[in-house]
Amino acid sequence: MMVLFRIYLSILFLSCPRYDTGLTADQVWDKFIKPLNDAVQLFVPTKLAVRGSSVKKTKWRPRYIRRALNKKRHLWRLYRNSKSLTYKSRYQEQCAYVKKIDL
């Protein structure tokens, strides 16, 4: 598919309009952009937006659980950036706490 697209673009640029043909800049632009738009229509897939029950919604949680999850995420980032054993142990403690409260 990519090879076909490259061939299409090479043909497109070989047939580009020139300025010395007496056309205005807008006419040249329209002649240039039309094949590009056609190529997009041919080669770019479209995806329909899915609505309704198939869209996964964020699970609602009480504030204390959200705060615990945010703290866990924060501790993970601290540990990942520093590789400190203190942050690792604090992260593991927070993981256990979150697991206990978020059933």
C-alpha atoms as a PDB file:
ATOM      1  CA  MET A   1       0.000   0.000   0.000  1.00  0.00           C
ATOM      2  CA  MET A   2       2.872   2.386   0.838  1.00  0.00           C
ATOM      3  CA  VAL A   3       4.533   1.728  -2.526  1.00  0.00           C
ATOM      4  CA  LEU A   4       1.301   2.549  -4.329  1.00  0.00           C
ATOM      5  CA  PHE A   5       1.049   5.790  -2.352  1.00  0.00           C
ATOM      6  CA  ARG A   6       4.652   6.743  -3.247  1.00  0.00           C
ATOM      7  CA  ILE A   7       3.996   6.079  -6.933  1.00  0.00           C
ATOM      8  CA  TYR A   8       0.856   8.208  -6.709  1.00  0.00           C
ATOM      9  CA  LEU A   9       2.797  11.068  -5.104  1.00  0.00           C
ATOM     10  CA  SER A  10       5.616  10.882  -7.656  1.00  0.00           C
ATOM     11  CA  ILE A  11       3.082  11.178 -10.488  1.00  0.00           C
ATOM     12  CA  LEU A  12       1.447  14.038  -8.630  1.00  0.00           C
ATOM     13  CA  PHE A  13       4.658  16.036  -8.284  1.00  0.00           C
ATOM     14  CA  LEU A  14       5.695  15.421 -11.889  1.00  0.00           C
ATOM     15  CA  SER A  15       2.423  16.961 -13.022  1.00  0.00           C
ATOM     16  CA  CYS A  16       2.624  19.993 -10.714  1.00  0.00           C
ATOM     17  CA  PRO A  17       1.536  23.252 -12.337  1.00  0.00           C
ATOM     18  CA  ARG A  18       4.185  25.864 -12.997  1.00  0.00           C
ATOM     19  CA  TYR A  19       3.991  29.598 -12.394  1.00  0.00           C
ATOM     20  CA  ASP A  20       4.957  30.571 -15.919  1.00  0.00           C
ATOM     21  CA  THR A  21       1.675  29.238 -17.377  1.00  0.00           C
ATOM     22  CA  GLY A  22      -0.217  32.452 -16.603  1.00  0.00           C
ATOM     23  CA  LEU A  23      -2.180  31.050 -13.665  1.00  0.00           C
ATOM     24  CA  THR A  24      -2.746  32.952 -10.441  1.00  0.00           C
ATOM     25  CA  ALA A  25      -1.297  31.713  -7.175  1.00  0.00           C
ATOM     26  CA  ASP A  26      -4.738  30.545  -6.033  1.00  0.00           C
ATOM     27  CA  GLN A  27      -5.278  28.551  -9.212  1.00  0.00           C
ATOM     28  CA  VAL A  28      -1.859  26.937  -8.898  1.00  0.00           C
ATOM     29  CA  TRP A  29      -2.560  26.116  -5.249  1.00  0.00           C
ATOM     30  CA  ASP A  30      -5.929  24.563  -6.109  1.00  0.00           C
ATOM     31  CA  LYS A  31      -4.343  22.437  -8.840  1.00  0.00           C
ATOM     32  CA  PHE A  32      -1.605  21.371  -6.421  1.00  0.00           C
ATOM     33  CA  ILE A  33      -3.832  20.561  -3.443  1.00  0.00           C
ATOM     34  CA  LYS A  34      -6.602  18.702  -5.314  1.00  0.00           C
ATOM     35  CA  PRO A  35      -4.495  15.567  -6.026  1.00  0.00           C
ATOM     36  CA  LEU A  36      -3.222  15.625  -2.441  1.00  0.00           C
ATOM     37  CA  ASN A  37      -6.764  15.680  -1.107  1.00  0.00           C
ATOM     38  CA  ASP A  38      -7.662  12.882  -3.525  1.00  0.00           C
ATOM     39  CA  ALA A  39      -4.694  10.859  -2.245  1.00  0.00           C
ATOM     40  CA  VAL A  40      -5.820  11.376   1.343  1.00  0.00           C
ATOM     41  CA  GLN A  41      -9.311  10.211   0.426  1.00  0.00           C
ATOM     42  CA  LEU A  42      -7.894   7.113  -1.281  1.00  0.00           C
ATOM     43  CA  PHE A  43      -5.199   6.048   1.150  1.00  0.00           C
ATOM     44  CA  VAL A  44      -6.105   7.323   4.628  1.00  0.00           C
ATOM     45  CA  PRO A  45      -8.525   5.015   6.438  1.00  0.00           C
ATOM     46  CA  THR A  46     -11.426   6.510   8.313  1.00  0.00           C
ATOM     47  CA  LYS A  47     -12.614   5.275  11.649  1.00  0.00           C
ATOM     48  CA  LEU A  48     -16.110   5.777  12.922  1.00  0.00           C
ATOM     49  CA  ALA A  49     -16.506   7.090  16.429  1.00  0.00           C
ATOM     50  CA  VAL A  50     -18.106   4.559  18.737  1.00  0.00           C
ATOM     51  CA  ARG A  51     -20.640   5.846  21.212  1.00  0.00           C
ATOM     52  CA  GLY A  52     -22.630   4.206  23.911  1.00  0.00           C
ATOM     53  CA  SER A  53     -21.933   1.307  26.193  1.00  0.00           C
ATOM     54  CA  SER A  54     -18.851   0.067  24.349  1.00  0.00           C
ATOM     55  CA  VAL A  55     -16.887   3.165  25.385  1.00  0.00           C
ATOM     56  CA  LYS A  56     -15.035   2.435  28.607  1.00  0.00           C
ATOM     57  CA  LYS A  57     -15.822   5.051  31.210  1.00  0.00           C
ATOM     58  CA  THR A  58     -13.590   5.962  34.112  1.00  0.00           C
ATOM     59  CA  LYS A  59     -14.575   4.202  37.277  1.00  0.00           C
ATOM     60  CA  TRP A  60     -15.873   6.640  39.855  1.00  0.00           C
ATOM     61  CA  ARG A  61     -14.071   6.397  43.177  1.00  0.00           C
ATOM     62  CA  PRO A  62     -14.343   8.307  46.439  1.00  0.00           C
ATOM     63  CA  ARG A  63     -11.861  11.089  47.115  1.00  0.00           C
ATOM     64  CA  TYR A  64      -9.753   9.118  49.605  1.00  0.00           C
ATOM     65  CA  ILE A  65      -9.224   6.342  47.044  1.00  0.00           C
ATOM     66  CA  ARG A  66      -8.322   8.826  44.293  1.00  0.00           C
ATOM     67  CA  ARG A  67      -5.832  10.489  46.621  1.00  0.00           C
ATOM     68  CA  ALA A  68      -4.306   7.139  47.523  1.00  0.00           C
ATOM     69  CA  LEU A  69      -3.968   6.256  43.832  1.00  0.00           C
ATOM     70  CA  ASN A  70      -2.397   9.637  43.071  1.00  0.00           C
ATOM     71  CA  LYS A  71       0.068   9.179  45.922  1.00  0.00           C
ATOM     72  CA  LYS A  72       0.924   5.705  44.631  1.00  0.00           C
ATOM     73  CA  ARG A  73       1.526   7.119  41.136  1.00  0.00           C
ATOM     74  CA  HIS A  74       3.664   9.922  42.598  1.00  0.00           C
ATOM     75  CA  LEU A  75       5.772   7.485  44.616  1.00  0.00           C
ATOM     76  CA  TRP A  76       6.251   5.289  41.555  1.00  0.00           C
ATOM     77  CA  ARG A  77       7.573   8.251  39.564  1.00  0.00           C
ATOM     78  CA  LEU A  78       9.927   9.190  42.380  1.00  0.00           C
ATOM     79  CA  TYR A  79      11.224   5.626  42.596  1.00  0.00           C
ATOM     80  CA  ARG A  80      11.544   5.269  38.815  1.00  0.00           C
ATOM     81  CA  ASN A  81      13.575   8.487  38.548  1.00  0.00           C
ATOM     82  CA  SER A  82      15.851   7.932  41.557  1.00  0.00           C
ATOM     83  CA  LYS A  83      15.935   4.123  42.036  1.00  0.00           C
ATOM     84  CA  SER A  84      16.096   4.764  45.791  1.00  0.00           C
ATOM     85  CA  LEU A  85      15.213   1.912  48.140  1.00  0.00           C
ATOM     86  CA  THR A  86      13.323   4.273  50.444  1.00  0.00           C
ATOM     87  CA  TYR A  87      11.007   5.307  47.616  1.00  0.00           C
ATOM     88  CA  LYS A  88      10.617   1.670  46.619  1.00  0.00           C
ATOM     89  CA  SER A  89       9.554   0.621  50.109  1.00  0.00           C
ATOM     90  CA  ARG A  90       7.174   3.597  50.417  1.00  0.00           C
ATOM     91  CA  TYR A  91       5.709   2.701  46.997  1.00  0.00           C
ATOM     92  CA  GLN A  92       5.211  -0.928  48.041  1.00  0.00           C
ATOM     93  CA  GLU A  93       3.495   0.162  51.252  1.00  0.00           C
ATOM     94  CA  GLN A  94       1.199   2.439  49.267  1.00  0.00           C
ATOM     95  CA  CYS A  95       0.452  -0.423  46.832  1.00  0.00           C
ATOM     96  CA  ALA A  96      -0.618  -2.612  49.739  1.00  0.00           C
ATOM     97  CA  TYR A  97      -2.771   0.176  51.160  1.00  0.00           C
ATOM     98  CA  VAL A  98      -4.466   0.830  47.799  1.00  0.00           C
ATOM     99  CA  LYS A  99      -5.080  -2.854  47.286  1.00  0.00           C
ATOM    100  CA  LYS A 100      -6.708  -3.039  50.717  1.00  0.00           C
ATOM    101  CA  ILE A 101      -9.051  -0.070  50.212  1.00  0.00           C
ATOM    102  CA  ASP A 102      -9.879  -0.415  46.487  1.00  0.00           C
ATOM    103  CA  LEU A 103     -11.611  -3.761  46.195  1.00  0.00           C
END
